[in-house]
Protein backbone atom coordinates (compact mmCIF):
# COMPACT_ATOMS: atom_id res chain seq x y z
CA UNK A 1 0.00 0.00 0.00
CA UNK A 2 2.75 2.45 0.87
CA UNK A 3 4.21 2.05 -2.62
CA UNK A 4 0.88 3.19 -4.10
CA UNK A 5 0.75 6.25 -1.85
CA UNK A 6 4.31 7.00 -2.89
CA UNK A 7 3.19 6.82 -6.53
CA UNK A 8 0.40 9.26 -5.68
CA UNK A 9 3.07 11.67 -4.39
CA UNK A 10 5.27 11.11 -7.46
CA UNK A 11 2.34 11.81 -9.81
CA UNK A 12 0.81 14.55 -7.65
CA UNK A 13 0.04 16.85 -10.61
CA UNK A 14 -1.58 14.20 -12.82
CA UNK A 15 -5.34 13.73 -12.97
CA UNK A 16 -6.50 10.76 -10.92
CA UNK A 17 -10.28 11.13 -10.82
CA UNK A 18 -12.96 13.01 -12.72
CA UNK A 19 -16.09 13.30 -10.59
CA UNK A 20 -19.16 15.16 -11.80
CA UNK A 21 -17.10 17.08 -14.35
CA UNK A 22 -14.40 18.15 -11.85
CA UNK A 23 -10.85 16.82 -12.12
CA UNK A 24 -8.84 15.79 -9.06
CA UNK A 25 -5.11 15.13 -9.06
CA UNK A 26 -3.28 12.35 -7.26
CA UNK A 27 -1.97 15.02 -4.89
CA UNK A 28 -5.51 16.10 -4.04
CA UNK A 29 -6.51 12.46 -3.56
CA UNK A 30 -3.60 11.89 -1.20
CA UNK A 31 -4.50 15.08 0.69
CA UNK A 32 -8.12 13.89 0.89
CA UNK A 33 -6.99 10.55 2.33
CA UNK A 34 -4.87 12.28 4.97
CA UNK A 35 -7.66 14.74 5.83
CA UNK A 36 -10.17 11.92 6.23
CA UNK A 37 -7.76 9.89 8.35
CA UNK A 38 -7.53 12.66 10.95
CA UNK A 39 -11.31 12.85 11.39
CA UNK A 40 -12.69 9.42 10.44
CA UNK A 41 -10.61 6.93 12.36
CA UNK A 42 -11.87 7.79 15.84
CA UNK A 43 -14.00 4.93 17.13
CA UNK A 44 -13.69 2.66 14.10
CA UNK A 45 -11.16 0.34 15.70
CA UNK A 46 -11.16 -3.12 14.16
CA UNK A 47 -14.67 -3.07 12.67
CA UNK A 48 -16.03 -4.00 9.28
CA UNK A 49 -16.77 -0.92 7.19
CA UNK A 50 -18.90 -0.61 4.05
CA UNK A 51 -18.89 2.28 1.61
CA UNK A 52 -22.27 2.76 -0.02
CA UNK A 53 -22.32 5.15 -2.94
CA UNK A 54 -20.92 5.89 -6.33
CA UNK A 55 -17.37 6.48 -7.41
CA UNK A 56 -17.12 10.01 -6.05
CA UNK A 57 -13.88 11.64 -4.98
CA UNK A 58 -14.62 11.15 -1.28
CA UNK A 59 -15.77 7.55 -1.63
CA UNK A 60 -12.53 6.73 -3.44
CA UNK A 61 -10.54 8.56 -0.75
CA UNK A 62 -12.41 6.57 1.92
CA UNK A 63 -11.61 3.32 0.09
CA UNK A 64 -7.88 4.11 0.01
CA UNK A 65 -7.97 5.24 3.64
CA UNK A 66 -9.51 1.95 4.77
CA UNK A 67 -7.06 -0.03 2.63
CA UNK A 68 -4.22 1.92 4.24
CA UNK A 69 -5.51 1.02 7.72
CA UNK A 70 -5.90 -2.64 6.85
CA UNK A 71 -2.38 -2.94 5.51
CA UNK A 72 -0.68 -0.77 8.16
PDB file of N, CA and C in Angstrom:
ATOM      1  N   UNK A   1       0.820  -1.192   0.000  1.00  0.00           N
ATOM      2  CA  UNK A   1       0.000   0.000   0.000  1.00  0.00           C
ATOM      3  C   UNK A   1       0.862   1.253   0.000  1.00  0.00           C
ATOM      4  N   UNK A   2       1.926   1.252   0.791  1.00  0.00           N
ATOM      5  CA  UNK A   2       2.753   2.453   0.874  1.00  0.00           C
ATOM      6  C   UNK A   2       3.368   2.796  -0.478  1.00  0.00           C
ATOM      7  N   UNK A   3       3.653   1.767  -1.295  1.00  0.00           N
ATOM      8  CA  UNK A   3       4.209   2.051  -2.621  1.00  0.00           C
ATOM      9  C   UNK A   3       3.189   2.778  -3.497  1.00  0.00           C
ATOM     10  N   UNK A   4       1.903   2.484  -3.323  1.00  0.00           N
ATOM     11  CA  UNK A   4       0.878   3.193  -4.095  1.00  0.00           C
ATOM     12  C   UNK A   4       0.761   4.644  -3.639  1.00  0.00           C
ATOM     13  N   UNK A   5       0.798   4.872  -2.344  1.00  0.00           N
ATOM     14  CA  UNK A   5       0.745   6.246  -1.850  1.00  0.00           C
ATOM     15  C   UNK A   5       1.970   7.022  -2.302  1.00  0.00           C
ATOM     16  N   UNK A   6       3.104   6.355  -2.376  1.00  0.00           N
ATOM     17  CA  UNK A   6       4.311   6.997  -2.889  1.00  0.00           C
ATOM     18  C   UNK A   6       4.138   7.362  -4.363  1.00  0.00           C
ATOM     19  N   UNK A   7       3.479   6.512  -5.124  1.00  0.00           N
ATOM     20  CA  UNK A   7       3.193   6.815  -6.535  1.00  0.00           C
ATOM     21  C   UNK A   7       2.230   8.001  -6.640  1.00  0.00           C
ATOM     22  N   UNK A   8       1.292   8.101  -5.704  1.00  0.00           N
ATOM     23  CA  UNK A   8       0.401   9.264  -5.676  1.00  0.00           C
ATOM     24  C   UNK A   8       1.229  10.532  -5.512  1.00  0.00           C
ATOM     25  N   UNK A   9       2.208  10.495  -4.599  1.00  0.00           N
ATOM     26  CA  UNK A   9       3.075  11.668  -4.387  1.00  0.00           C
ATOM     27  C   UNK A   9       3.879  11.974  -5.647  1.00  0.00           C
ATOM     28  N   UNK A  10       4.426  10.942  -6.263  1.00  0.00           N
ATOM     29  CA  UNK A  10       5.266  11.110  -7.455  1.00  0.00           C
ATOM     30  C   UNK A  10       4.467  11.709  -8.614  1.00  0.00           C
ATOM     31  N   UNK A  11       3.210  11.333  -8.722  1.00  0.00           N
ATOM     32  CA  UNK A  11       2.339  11.807  -9.814  1.00  0.00           C
ATOM     33  C   UNK A  11       1.336  12.847  -9.322  1.00  0.00           C
ATOM     34  N   UNK A  12       1.720  13.623  -8.339  1.00  0.00           N
ATOM     35  CA  UNK A  12       0.811  14.547  -7.652  1.00  0.00           C
ATOM     36  C   UNK A  12       0.075  15.496  -8.589  1.00  0.00           C
ATOM     37  N   UNK A  13       0.667  15.871  -9.708  1.00  0.00           N
ATOM     38  CA  UNK A  13       0.037  16.846 -10.608  1.00  0.00           C
ATOM     39  C   UNK A  13      -0.800  16.205 -11.713  1.00  0.00           C
ATOM     40  N   UNK A  14      -0.802  14.891 -11.787  1.00  0.00           N
ATOM     41  CA  UNK A  14      -1.580  14.204 -12.824  1.00  0.00           C
ATOM     42  C   UNK A  14      -3.006  13.958 -12.353  1.00  0.00           C
ATOM     43  N   UNK A  15      -3.931  13.954 -13.291  1.00  0.00           N
ATOM     44  CA  UNK A  15      -5.342  13.733 -12.971  1.00  0.00           C
ATOM     45  C   UNK A  15      -5.555  12.276 -12.576  1.00  0.00           C
ATOM     46  N   UNK A  16      -6.206  12.098 -11.433  1.00  0.00           N
ATOM     47  CA  UNK A  16      -6.496  10.761 -10.922  1.00  0.00           C
ATOM     48  C   UNK A  16      -7.965  10.401 -11.080  1.00  0.00           C
ATOM     49  N   UNK A  17      -8.841  11.380 -10.857  1.00  0.00           N
ATOM     50  CA  UNK A  17     -10.281  11.132 -10.821  1.00  0.00           C
ATOM     51  C   UNK A  17     -11.000  12.302 -11.485  1.00  0.00           C
ATOM     52  N   UNK A  18     -12.038  11.987 -12.235  1.00  0.00           N
ATOM     53  CA  UNK A  18     -12.959  13.006 -12.723  1.00  0.00           C
ATOM     54  C   UNK A  18     -14.315  12.648 -12.129  1.00  0.00           C
ATOM     55  N   UNK A  19     -14.830  13.538 -11.289  1.00  0.00           N
ATOM     56  CA  UNK A  19     -16.087  13.299 -10.587  1.00  0.00           C
ATOM     57  C   UNK A  19     -17.033  14.462 -10.862  1.00  0.00           C
ATOM     58  N   UNK A  20     -18.128  14.162 -11.502  1.00  0.00           N
ATOM     59  CA  UNK A  20     -19.160  15.164 -11.801  1.00  0.00           C
ATOM     60  C   UNK A  20     -18.570  16.360 -12.554  1.00  0.00           C
ATOM     61  N   UNK A  21     -17.679  16.053 -13.512  1.00  0.00           N
ATOM     62  CA  UNK A  21     -17.096  17.077 -14.355  1.00  0.00           C
ATOM     63  C   UNK A  21     -15.908  17.818 -13.751  1.00  0.00           C
ATOM     64  N   UNK A  22     -15.532  17.507 -12.508  1.00  0.00           N
ATOM     65  CA  UNK A  22     -14.397  18.153 -11.852  1.00  0.00           C
ATOM     66  C   UNK A  22     -13.229  17.175 -11.798  1.00  0.00           C
ATOM     67  N   UNK A  23     -12.046  17.655 -12.140  1.00  0.00           N
ATOM     68  CA  UNK A  23     -10.847  16.820 -12.121  1.00  0.00           C
ATOM     69  C   UNK A  23     -10.124  16.955 -10.788  1.00  0.00           C
ATOM     70  N   UNK A  24      -9.631  15.830 -10.286  1.00  0.00           N
ATOM     71  CA  UNK A  24      -8.840  15.793  -9.058  1.00  0.00           C
ATOM     72  C   UNK A  24      -7.504  15.125  -9.367  1.00  0.00           C
ATOM     73  N   UNK A  25      -6.437  15.689  -8.839  1.00  0.00           N
ATOM     74  CA  UNK A  25      -5.108  15.130  -9.062  1.00  0.00           C
ATOM     75  C   UNK A  25      -4.804  14.064  -8.004  1.00  0.00           C
ATOM     76  N   UNK A  26      -3.731  13.320  -8.256  1.00  0.00           N
ATOM     77  CA  UNK A  26      -3.278  12.351  -7.258  1.00  0.00           C
ATOM     78  C   UNK A  26      -2.874  13.052  -5.968  1.00  0.00           C
ATOM     79  N   UNK A  27      -2.323  14.249  -6.077  1.00  0.00           N
ATOM     80  CA  UNK A  27      -1.973  15.021  -4.888  1.00  0.00           C
ATOM     81  C   UNK A  27      -3.197  15.379  -4.067  1.00  0.00           C
ATOM     82  N   UNK A  28      -4.268  15.783  -4.746  1.00  0.00           N
ATOM     83  CA  UNK A  28      -5.512  16.102  -4.045  1.00  0.00           C
ATOM     84  C   UNK A  28      -6.118  14.848  -3.420  1.00  0.00           C
ATOM     85  N   UNK A  29      -6.014  13.716  -4.111  1.00  0.00           N
ATOM     86  CA  UNK A  29      -6.514  12.458  -3.562  1.00  0.00           C
ATOM     87  C   UNK A  29      -5.733  12.085  -2.308  1.00  0.00           C
ATOM     88  N   UNK A  30      -4.424  12.190  -2.364  1.00  0.00           N
ATOM     89  CA  UNK A  30      -3.598  11.888  -1.200  1.00  0.00           C
ATOM     90  C   UNK A  30      -3.937  12.830  -0.048  1.00  0.00           C
ATOM     91  N   UNK A  31      -4.114  14.103  -0.339  1.00  0.00           N
ATOM     92  CA  UNK A  31      -4.497  15.079   0.690  1.00  0.00           C
ATOM     93  C   UNK A  31      -5.862  14.728   1.275  1.00  0.00           C
ATOM     94  N   UNK A  32      -6.789  14.302   0.420  1.00  0.00           N
ATOM     95  CA  UNK A  32      -8.116  13.890   0.893  1.00  0.00           C
ATOM     96  C   UNK A  32      -8.036  12.690   1.817  1.00  0.00           C
ATOM     97  N   UNK A  33      -7.181  11.730   1.486  1.00  0.00           N
ATOM     98  CA  UNK A  33      -6.994  10.548   2.335  1.00  0.00           C
ATOM     99  C   UNK A  33      -6.463  10.973   3.697  1.00  0.00           C
ATOM    100  N   UNK A  34      -5.457  11.832   3.703  1.00  0.00           N
ATOM    101  CA  UNK A  34      -4.869  12.278   4.965  1.00  0.00           C
ATOM    102  C   UNK A  34      -5.859  13.103   5.782  1.00  0.00           C
ATOM    103  N   UNK A  35      -6.640  13.963   5.122  1.00  0.00           N
ATOM    104  CA  UNK A  35      -7.659  14.743   5.834  1.00  0.00           C
ATOM    105  C   UNK A  35      -8.714  13.832   6.464  1.00  0.00           C
ATOM    106  N   UNK A  36      -9.164  12.846   5.706  1.00  0.00           N
ATOM    107  CA  UNK A  36     -10.169  11.917   6.227  1.00  0.00           C
ATOM    108  C   UNK A  36      -9.617  11.089   7.373  1.00  0.00           C
ATOM    109  N   UNK A  37      -8.340  10.740   7.306  1.00  0.00           N
ATOM    110  CA  UNK A  37      -7.761   9.892   8.355  1.00  0.00           C
ATOM    111  C   UNK A  37      -7.747  10.613   9.695  1.00  0.00           C
ATOM    112  N   UNK A  38      -7.583  11.924   9.683  1.00  0.00           N
ATOM    113  CA  UNK A  38      -7.529  12.663  10.946  1.00  0.00           C
ATOM    114  C   UNK A  38      -8.900  12.801  11.603  1.00  0.00           C
ATOM    115  N   UNK A  39      -9.969  12.673  10.831  1.00  0.00           N
ATOM    116  CA  UNK A  39     -11.308  12.850  11.391  1.00  0.00           C
ATOM    117  C   UNK A  39     -12.134  11.571  11.432  1.00  0.00           C
ATOM    118  N   UNK A  40     -11.829  10.593  10.608  1.00  0.00           N
ATOM    119  CA  UNK A  40     -12.687   9.424  10.440  1.00  0.00           C
ATOM    120  C   UNK A  40     -12.319   8.260  11.344  1.00  0.00           C
ATOM    121  N   UNK A  41     -11.088   8.133  11.702  1.00  0.00           N
ATOM    122  CA  UNK A  41     -10.614   6.927  12.362  1.00  0.00           C
ATOM    123  C   UNK A  41     -11.024   6.791  13.820  1.00  0.00           C
ATOM    124  N   UNK A  42     -11.480   7.849  14.434  1.00  0.00           N
ATOM    125  CA  UNK A  42     -11.873   7.785  15.839  1.00  0.00           C
ATOM    126  C   UNK A  42     -13.064   6.857  16.008  1.00  0.00           C
ATOM    127  N   UNK A  43     -12.899   5.829  16.818  1.00  0.00           N
ATOM    128  CA  UNK A  43     -13.998   4.930  17.129  1.00  0.00           C
ATOM    129  C   UNK A  43     -14.211   3.789  16.153  1.00  0.00           C
ATOM    130  N   UNK A  44     -13.495   3.751  15.054  1.00  0.00           N
ATOM    131  CA  UNK A  44     -13.689   2.655  14.097  1.00  0.00           C
ATOM    132  C   UNK A  44     -13.048   1.377  14.620  1.00  0.00           C
ATOM    133  N   UNK A  45     -11.844   1.505  15.147  1.00  0.00           N
ATOM    134  CA  UNK A  45     -11.165   0.339  15.697  1.00  0.00           C
ATOM    135  C   UNK A  45     -10.978  -0.747  14.665  1.00  0.00           C
ATOM    136  N   UNK A  46     -11.359  -1.960  15.022  1.00  0.00           N
ATOM    137  CA  UNK A  46     -11.165  -3.123  14.165  1.00  0.00           C
ATOM    138  C   UNK A  46     -12.515  -3.626  13.660  1.00  0.00           C
ATOM    139  N   UNK A  47     -13.328  -2.737  13.114  1.00  0.00           N
ATOM    140  CA  UNK A  47     -14.674  -3.069  12.674  1.00  0.00           C
ATOM    141  C   UNK A  47     -14.748  -3.198  11.157  1.00  0.00           C
ATOM    142  N   UNK A  48     -15.761  -3.897  10.710  1.00  0.00           N
ATOM    143  CA  UNK A  48     -16.032  -3.997   9.278  1.00  0.00           C
ATOM    144  C   UNK A  48     -16.696  -2.701   8.832  1.00  0.00           C
ATOM    145  N   UNK A  49     -16.242  -2.171   7.699  1.00  0.00           N
ATOM    146  CA  UNK A  49     -16.768  -0.917   7.187  1.00  0.00           C
ATOM    147  C   UNK A  49     -17.234  -1.130   5.756  1.00  0.00           C
ATOM    148  N   UNK A  50     -18.383  -0.551   5.420  1.00  0.00           N
ATOM    149  CA  UNK A  50     -18.897  -0.608   4.047  1.00  0.00           C
ATOM    150  C   UNK A  50     -19.038   0.813   3.521  1.00  0.00           C
ATOM    151  N   UNK A  51     -18.708   0.988   2.266  1.00  0.00           N
ATOM    152  CA  UNK A  51     -18.890   2.275   1.607  1.00  0.00           C
ATOM    153  C   UNK A  51     -20.040   2.104   0.626  1.00  0.00           C
ATOM    154  N   UNK A  52     -21.110   2.847   0.860  1.00  0.00           N
ATOM    155  CA  UNK A  52     -22.272   2.763  -0.016  1.00  0.00           C
ATOM    156  C   UNK A  52     -22.351   4.063  -0.799  1.00  0.00           C
ATOM    157  N   UNK A  53     -22.261   3.956  -2.102  1.00  0.00           N
ATOM    158  CA  UNK A  53     -22.320   5.151  -2.937  1.00  0.00           C
ATOM    159  C   UNK A  53     -21.606   4.928  -4.243  1.00  0.00           C
ATOM    160  N   UNK A  54     -21.561   5.961  -5.023  1.00  0.00           N
ATOM    161  CA  UNK A  54     -20.915   5.892  -6.326  1.00  0.00           C
ATOM    162  C   UNK A  54     -19.411   6.062  -6.222  1.00  0.00           C
ATOM    163  N   UNK A  55     -18.816   6.315  -7.352  1.00  0.00           N
ATOM    164  CA  UNK A  55     -17.370   6.480  -7.415  1.00  0.00           C
ATOM    165  C   UNK A  55     -16.997   7.960  -7.321  1.00  0.00           C
ATOM    166  N   UNK A  56     -17.441   8.605  -6.248  1.00  0.00           N
ATOM    167  CA  UNK A  56     -17.120  10.014  -6.050  1.00  0.00           C
ATOM    168  C   UNK A  56     -15.708  10.151  -5.487  1.00  0.00           C
ATOM    169  N   UNK A  57     -15.209  11.363  -5.512  1.00  0.00           N
ATOM    170  CA  UNK A  57     -13.875  11.638  -4.981  1.00  0.00           C
ATOM    171  C   UNK A  57     -13.752  11.157  -3.538  1.00  0.00           C
ATOM    172  N   UNK A  58     -14.717  11.509  -2.696  1.00  0.00           N
ATOM    173  CA  UNK A  58     -14.617  11.153  -1.284  1.00  0.00           C
ATOM    174  C   UNK A  58     -14.800   9.667  -1.037  1.00  0.00           C
ATOM    175  N   UNK A  59     -15.642   9.000  -1.796  1.00  0.00           N
ATOM    176  CA  UNK A  59     -15.771   7.550  -1.632  1.00  0.00           C
ATOM    177  C   UNK A  59     -14.470   6.841  -2.010  1.00  0.00           C
ATOM    178  N   UNK A  60     -13.813   7.322  -3.047  1.00  0.00           N
ATOM    179  CA  UNK A  60     -12.535   6.730  -3.444  1.00  0.00           C
ATOM    180  C   UNK A  60     -11.480   7.020  -2.374  1.00  0.00           C
ATOM    181  N   UNK A  61     -11.475   8.229  -1.834  1.00  0.00           N
ATOM    182  CA  UNK A  61     -10.540   8.557  -0.754  1.00  0.00           C
ATOM    183  C   UNK A  61     -10.806   7.682   0.470  1.00  0.00           C
ATOM    184  N   UNK A  62     -12.080   7.468   0.816  1.00  0.00           N
ATOM    185  CA  UNK A  62     -12.408   6.569   1.919  1.00  0.00           C
ATOM    186  C   UNK A  62     -11.889   5.159   1.647  1.00  0.00           C
ATOM    187  N   UNK A  63     -12.086   4.657   0.441  1.00  0.00           N
ATOM    188  CA  UNK A  63     -11.608   3.321   0.091  1.00  0.00           C
ATOM    189  C   UNK A  63     -10.108   3.199   0.345  1.00  0.00           C
ATOM    190  N   UNK A  64      -9.332   4.160  -0.167  1.00  0.00           N
ATOM    191  CA  UNK A  64      -7.877   4.108   0.015  1.00  0.00           C
ATOM    192  C   UNK A  64      -7.501   4.260   1.477  1.00  0.00           C
ATOM    193  N   UNK A  65      -8.236   5.074   2.217  1.00  0.00           N
ATOM    194  CA  UNK A  65      -7.969   5.235   3.640  1.00  0.00           C
ATOM    195  C   UNK A  65      -8.151   3.901   4.362  1.00  0.00           C
ATOM    196  N   UNK A  66      -9.256   3.214   4.103  1.00  0.00           N
ATOM    197  CA  UNK A  66      -9.510   1.951   4.772  1.00  0.00           C
ATOM    198  C   UNK A  66      -8.520   0.872   4.323  1.00  0.00           C
ATOM    199  N   UNK A  67      -8.098   0.898   3.088  1.00  0.00           N
ATOM    200  CA  UNK A  67      -7.064  -0.034   2.633  1.00  0.00           C
ATOM    201  C   UNK A  67      -5.744   0.258   3.350  1.00  0.00           C
ATOM    202  N   UNK A  68      -5.439   1.524   3.538  1.00  0.00           N
ATOM    203  CA  UNK A  68      -4.222   1.920   4.242  1.00  0.00           C
ATOM    204  C   UNK A  68      -4.228   1.395   5.671  1.00  0.00           C
ATOM    205  N   UNK A  69      -5.378   1.504   6.336  1.00  0.00           N
ATOM    206  CA  UNK A  69      -5.505   1.021   7.715  1.00  0.00           C
ATOM    207  C   UNK A  69      -5.316  -0.477   7.764  1.00  0.00           C
ATOM    208  N   UNK A  70      -5.959  -1.192   6.848  1.00  0.00           N
ATOM    209  CA  UNK A  70      -5.896  -2.645   6.846  1.00  0.00           C
ATOM    210  C   UNK A  70      -4.472  -3.141   6.671  1.00  0.00           C
ATOM    211  N   UNK A  71      -3.723  -2.487   5.831  1.00  0.00           N
ATOM    212  CA  UNK A  71      -2.376  -2.943   5.512  1.00  0.00           C
ATOM    213  C   UNK A  71      -1.360  -2.457   6.534  1.00  0.00           C
ATOM    214  N   UNK A  72      -1.627  -1.328   7.174  1.00  0.00           N
ATOM    215  CA  UNK A  72      -0.681  -0.773   8.156  1.00  0.00           C
ATOM    216  C   UNK A  72      -0.519  -1.650   9.361  1.00  0.00           C
TER     217      UNK A  72
END
